[in-house]
């Protein structure tokens, strides 16, 4: 389980990125780099990190399923992910 502060920081960055998305696009098209620099740093979507919603883990994130590899394996073993079956050969 990731530390609570990491997931909260991620949520804060997500809210800021959504809040400033329109303003950032307008400034980019206008080429106004000085005004872009004055916006909060965490409003830049590049600073967002893919995190598992269950554990908060940042590494080993599977984008297609939206969770970490460990959580994915647990859910798949229990049959909670539709269309995913355990393979054996």
N, C-alpha and C. Protein backbone atom coordinates (compact mmCIF):
# COMPACT_ATOMS: atom_id res chain seq x y z
N UNK A 1 0.85 -1.18 0.00
CA UNK A 1 0.00 0.00 0.00
C UNK A 1 0.89 1.23 0.00
N UNK A 2 0.61 2.13 -0.90
CA UNK A 2 1.39 3.37 -0.98
C UNK A 2 1.03 4.29 0.18
N UNK A 3 1.93 5.17 0.48
CA UNK A 3 1.64 6.13 1.55
C UNK A 3 0.46 6.99 1.15
N UNK A 4 -0.33 7.35 2.12
CA UNK A 4 -1.55 8.13 1.88
C UNK A 4 -1.22 9.49 1.24
N UNK A 5 -0.10 10.09 1.64
CA UNK A 5 0.25 11.41 1.12
C UNK A 5 0.52 11.37 -0.39
N UNK A 6 1.03 10.23 -0.90
CA UNK A 6 1.30 10.14 -2.34
C UNK A 6 0.02 10.13 -3.15
N UNK A 7 -0.97 9.39 -2.67
CA UNK A 7 -2.24 9.36 -3.39
C UNK A 7 -2.97 10.69 -3.28
N UNK A 8 -2.87 11.34 -2.13
CA UNK A 8 -3.50 12.65 -1.97
C UNK A 8 -2.84 13.70 -2.86
N UNK A 9 -1.53 13.64 -2.97
CA UNK A 9 -0.81 14.56 -3.85
C UNK A 9 -1.21 14.36 -5.29
N UNK A 10 -1.39 13.09 -5.66
CA UNK A 10 -1.83 12.77 -7.02
C UNK A 10 -3.22 13.34 -7.28
N UNK A 11 -4.13 13.20 -6.31
CA UNK A 11 -5.48 13.73 -6.47
C UNK A 11 -5.47 15.25 -6.60
N UNK A 12 -4.60 15.90 -5.84
CA UNK A 12 -4.47 17.35 -5.91
C UNK A 12 -3.99 17.79 -7.29
N UNK A 13 -3.01 17.07 -7.82
CA UNK A 13 -2.50 17.38 -9.16
C UNK A 13 -3.56 17.16 -10.23
N UNK A 14 -4.37 16.12 -10.05
CA UNK A 14 -5.43 15.83 -11.01
C UNK A 14 -6.46 16.96 -11.04
N UNK A 15 -6.84 17.45 -9.87
CA UNK A 15 -7.81 18.55 -9.80
C UNK A 15 -7.26 19.81 -10.44
N UNK A 16 -5.99 20.13 -10.16
CA UNK A 16 -5.37 21.32 -10.73
C UNK A 16 -5.24 21.21 -12.25
N UNK A 17 -4.88 20.02 -12.74
CA UNK A 17 -4.74 19.83 -14.18
C UNK A 17 -6.08 20.04 -14.88
N UNK A 18 -7.16 19.54 -14.29
CA UNK A 18 -8.48 19.73 -14.89
C UNK A 18 -8.93 21.18 -14.82
N UNK A 19 -8.60 21.85 -13.71
CA UNK A 19 -9.01 23.24 -13.52
C UNK A 19 -8.36 24.17 -14.54
N UNK A 20 -7.07 23.96 -14.82
CA UNK A 20 -6.32 24.86 -15.69
C UNK A 20 -6.19 24.35 -17.12
N UNK A 21 -6.88 23.28 -17.48
CA UNK A 21 -6.72 22.69 -18.81
C UNK A 21 -7.07 23.67 -19.92
N UNK A 22 -8.21 24.34 -19.83
CA UNK A 22 -8.64 25.27 -20.88
C UNK A 22 -7.70 26.46 -20.99
N UNK A 23 -7.35 27.03 -19.85
CA UNK A 23 -6.46 28.20 -19.83
C UNK A 23 -5.09 27.85 -20.42
N UNK A 24 -4.61 26.66 -20.09
CA UNK A 24 -3.31 26.21 -20.58
C UNK A 24 -3.33 26.05 -22.10
N UNK A 25 -4.41 25.51 -22.65
CA UNK A 25 -4.53 25.34 -24.11
C UNK A 25 -4.53 26.69 -24.83
N UNK A 26 -5.27 27.65 -24.27
CA UNK A 26 -5.33 28.98 -24.88
C UNK A 26 -3.95 29.63 -24.89
N UNK A 27 -3.24 29.54 -23.78
CA UNK A 27 -1.91 30.15 -23.69
C UNK A 27 -0.92 29.45 -24.60
N UNK A 28 -1.04 28.14 -24.77
CA UNK A 28 -0.14 27.42 -25.66
C UNK A 28 -0.34 27.86 -27.10
N UNK A 29 -1.61 27.98 -27.51
CA UNK A 29 -1.89 28.40 -28.89
C UNK A 29 -1.43 29.82 -29.15
N UNK A 30 -1.52 30.67 -28.12
CA UNK A 30 -1.08 32.06 -28.27
C UNK A 30 0.44 32.17 -28.21
N UNK A 31 1.10 31.12 -27.70
CA UNK A 31 2.56 31.15 -27.59
C UNK A 31 3.05 31.99 -26.43
N UNK A 32 2.21 32.21 -25.45
CA UNK A 32 2.56 33.04 -24.29
C UNK A 32 3.24 32.19 -23.22
N UNK A 33 4.55 32.02 -23.34
CA UNK A 33 5.32 31.17 -22.42
C UNK A 33 5.44 31.78 -21.03
N UNK A 34 5.45 33.09 -20.95
CA UNK A 34 5.58 33.76 -19.65
C UNK A 34 4.34 33.52 -18.80
N UNK A 35 3.17 33.60 -19.41
CA UNK A 35 1.93 33.36 -18.67
C UNK A 35 1.81 31.88 -18.28
N UNK A 36 2.29 31.01 -19.14
CA UNK A 36 2.29 29.58 -18.81
C UNK A 36 3.18 29.29 -17.60
N UNK A 37 4.30 29.99 -17.53
CA UNK A 37 5.22 29.78 -16.42
C UNK A 37 4.64 30.26 -15.09
N UNK A 38 3.69 31.19 -15.16
CA UNK A 38 3.09 31.72 -13.93
C UNK A 38 1.99 30.82 -13.37
N UNK A 39 1.50 29.87 -14.18
CA UNK A 39 0.50 28.93 -13.69
C UNK A 39 1.16 27.98 -12.67
N UNK A 40 0.37 27.37 -11.80
CA UNK A 40 0.95 26.43 -10.83
C UNK A 40 1.63 25.26 -11.53
N UNK A 41 2.75 24.82 -10.99
CA UNK A 41 3.49 23.72 -11.61
C UNK A 41 2.67 22.44 -11.66
N UNK A 42 1.92 22.19 -10.61
CA UNK A 42 1.15 20.95 -10.56
C UNK A 42 -0.07 20.97 -11.48
N UNK A 43 -0.31 22.08 -12.16
CA UNK A 43 -1.43 22.11 -13.11
C UNK A 43 -1.03 21.52 -14.46
N UNK A 44 0.24 21.20 -14.63
CA UNK A 44 0.71 20.60 -15.87
C UNK A 44 0.40 19.10 -15.86
N UNK A 45 -0.31 18.58 -16.86
CA UNK A 45 -0.67 17.16 -16.85
C UNK A 45 0.53 16.22 -16.96
N UNK A 46 1.69 16.73 -17.34
CA UNK A 46 2.88 15.90 -17.43
C UNK A 46 3.30 15.40 -16.04
N UNK A 47 2.93 16.14 -15.01
CA UNK A 47 3.31 15.77 -13.65
C UNK A 47 2.43 14.68 -13.05
N UNK A 48 1.36 14.29 -13.75
CA UNK A 48 0.51 13.22 -13.26
C UNK A 48 1.21 11.88 -13.41
N UNK A 49 0.88 10.97 -12.52
CA UNK A 49 1.48 9.64 -12.53
C UNK A 49 0.36 8.61 -12.50
N UNK A 50 0.49 7.57 -13.31
CA UNK A 50 -0.51 6.50 -13.28
C UNK A 50 -0.34 5.72 -11.99
N UNK A 51 -1.40 5.65 -11.20
CA UNK A 51 -1.36 4.93 -9.94
C UNK A 51 -2.53 3.96 -9.85
N UNK A 52 -2.30 2.86 -9.19
CA UNK A 52 -3.34 1.86 -8.97
C UNK A 52 -4.38 2.44 -8.01
N UNK A 53 -5.67 2.40 -8.38
CA UNK A 53 -6.68 2.96 -7.49
C UNK A 53 -6.89 2.14 -6.21
N UNK A 54 -6.50 0.87 -6.23
CA UNK A 54 -6.70 0.01 -5.07
C UNK A 54 -5.56 0.18 -4.07
N UNK A 55 -4.31 0.08 -4.55
CA UNK A 55 -3.16 0.11 -3.65
C UNK A 55 -2.40 1.42 -3.67
N UNK A 56 -2.55 2.21 -4.74
CA UNK A 56 -1.80 3.45 -4.86
C UNK A 56 -0.40 3.26 -5.41
N UNK A 57 -0.10 2.04 -5.83
CA UNK A 57 1.23 1.71 -6.35
C UNK A 57 1.48 2.42 -7.68
N UNK A 58 2.66 3.02 -7.82
CA UNK A 58 3.00 3.75 -9.04
C UNK A 58 3.76 2.92 -10.05
N UNK A 59 4.53 1.95 -9.60
CA UNK A 59 5.28 1.08 -10.51
C UNK A 59 4.46 -0.14 -10.88
N UNK A 60 4.71 -0.69 -12.05
CA UNK A 60 4.02 -1.89 -12.48
C UNK A 60 2.57 -1.65 -12.81
N UNK A 61 2.25 -0.47 -13.33
CA UNK A 61 0.88 -0.11 -13.66
C UNK A 61 0.52 -0.67 -15.03
N UNK A 62 -0.59 -1.38 -15.13
CA UNK A 62 -1.06 -1.90 -16.41
C UNK A 62 -2.14 -0.96 -16.91
N UNK A 63 -1.85 -0.22 -17.95
CA UNK A 63 -2.73 0.83 -18.43
C UNK A 63 -4.07 0.30 -18.92
N UNK A 64 -4.05 -0.85 -19.59
CA UNK A 64 -5.27 -1.42 -20.16
C UNK A 64 -6.31 -1.72 -19.09
N UNK A 65 -5.86 -2.15 -17.92
CA UNK A 65 -6.77 -2.52 -16.85
C UNK A 65 -6.85 -1.47 -15.74
N UNK A 66 -5.96 -0.50 -15.74
CA UNK A 66 -6.02 0.59 -14.78
C UNK A 66 -5.65 0.20 -13.37
N UNK A 67 -4.75 -0.78 -13.23
CA UNK A 67 -4.32 -1.19 -11.90
C UNK A 67 -2.91 -1.75 -11.97
N UNK A 68 -2.31 -1.96 -10.79
CA UNK A 68 -0.95 -2.47 -10.75
C UNK A 68 -0.94 -3.96 -11.08
N UNK A 69 0.22 -4.47 -11.40
CA UNK A 69 0.36 -5.88 -11.79
C UNK A 69 -0.02 -6.82 -10.66
N UNK A 70 0.27 -6.41 -9.43
CA UNK A 70 -0.03 -7.26 -8.28
C UNK A 70 -1.53 -7.34 -8.05
N UNK A 71 -2.19 -6.20 -8.08
CA UNK A 71 -3.64 -6.16 -7.92
C UNK A 71 -4.32 -6.88 -9.07
N UNK A 72 -3.80 -6.70 -10.28
CA UNK A 72 -4.36 -7.38 -11.44
C UNK A 72 -4.31 -8.89 -11.26
N UNK A 73 -3.20 -9.39 -10.79
CA UNK A 73 -3.03 -10.84 -10.61
C UNK A 73 -4.01 -11.37 -9.57
N UNK A 74 -4.17 -10.63 -8.47
CA UNK A 74 -5.11 -11.06 -7.43
C UNK A 74 -6.54 -11.09 -7.96
N UNK A 75 -6.95 -10.03 -8.65
CA UNK A 75 -8.31 -9.95 -9.17
C UNK A 75 -8.55 -11.01 -10.25
N UNK A 76 -7.55 -11.26 -11.10
CA UNK A 76 -7.69 -12.25 -12.16
C UNK A 76 -7.79 -13.65 -11.58
N UNK A 77 -7.05 -13.92 -10.53
CA UNK A 77 -7.10 -15.24 -9.90
C UNK A 77 -8.47 -15.50 -9.27
N UNK A 78 -9.09 -14.46 -8.76
CA UNK A 78 -10.42 -14.59 -8.16
C UNK A 78 -11.54 -14.55 -9.21
N UNK A 79 -11.17 -14.24 -10.46
CA UNK A 79 -12.17 -14.19 -11.53
C UNK A 79 -12.99 -12.91 -11.53
N UNK A 80 -12.42 -11.82 -11.01
CA UNK A 80 -13.15 -10.56 -10.91
C UNK A 80 -12.93 -9.64 -12.10
N UNK A 81 -12.08 -10.04 -13.03
CA UNK A 81 -11.86 -9.24 -14.24
C UNK A 81 -12.47 -10.00 -15.41
N UNK A 82 -13.50 -9.44 -16.04
CA UNK A 82 -14.16 -10.15 -17.14
C UNK A 82 -13.23 -10.35 -18.33
N UNK A 83 -13.28 -11.54 -18.89
CA UNK A 83 -12.49 -11.85 -20.09
C UNK A 83 -11.08 -12.28 -19.81
N UNK A 84 -10.66 -12.33 -18.56
CA UNK A 84 -9.30 -12.74 -18.22
C UNK A 84 -9.37 -14.08 -17.50
N UNK A 85 -8.63 -15.06 -18.04
CA UNK A 85 -8.58 -16.36 -17.40
C UNK A 85 -7.14 -16.74 -17.12
N UNK A 86 -6.96 -17.57 -16.13
CA UNK A 86 -5.62 -18.05 -15.80
C UNK A 86 -5.21 -19.06 -16.84
N UNK A 87 -4.02 -18.90 -17.38
CA UNK A 87 -3.56 -19.82 -18.42
C UNK A 87 -2.61 -20.86 -17.82
N UNK A 88 -2.60 -22.01 -18.41
CA UNK A 88 -1.65 -23.05 -18.00
C UNK A 88 -1.28 -23.85 -19.24
N UNK A 89 -0.04 -24.33 -19.30
CA UNK A 89 0.40 -25.12 -20.44
C UNK A 89 1.40 -26.16 -20.01
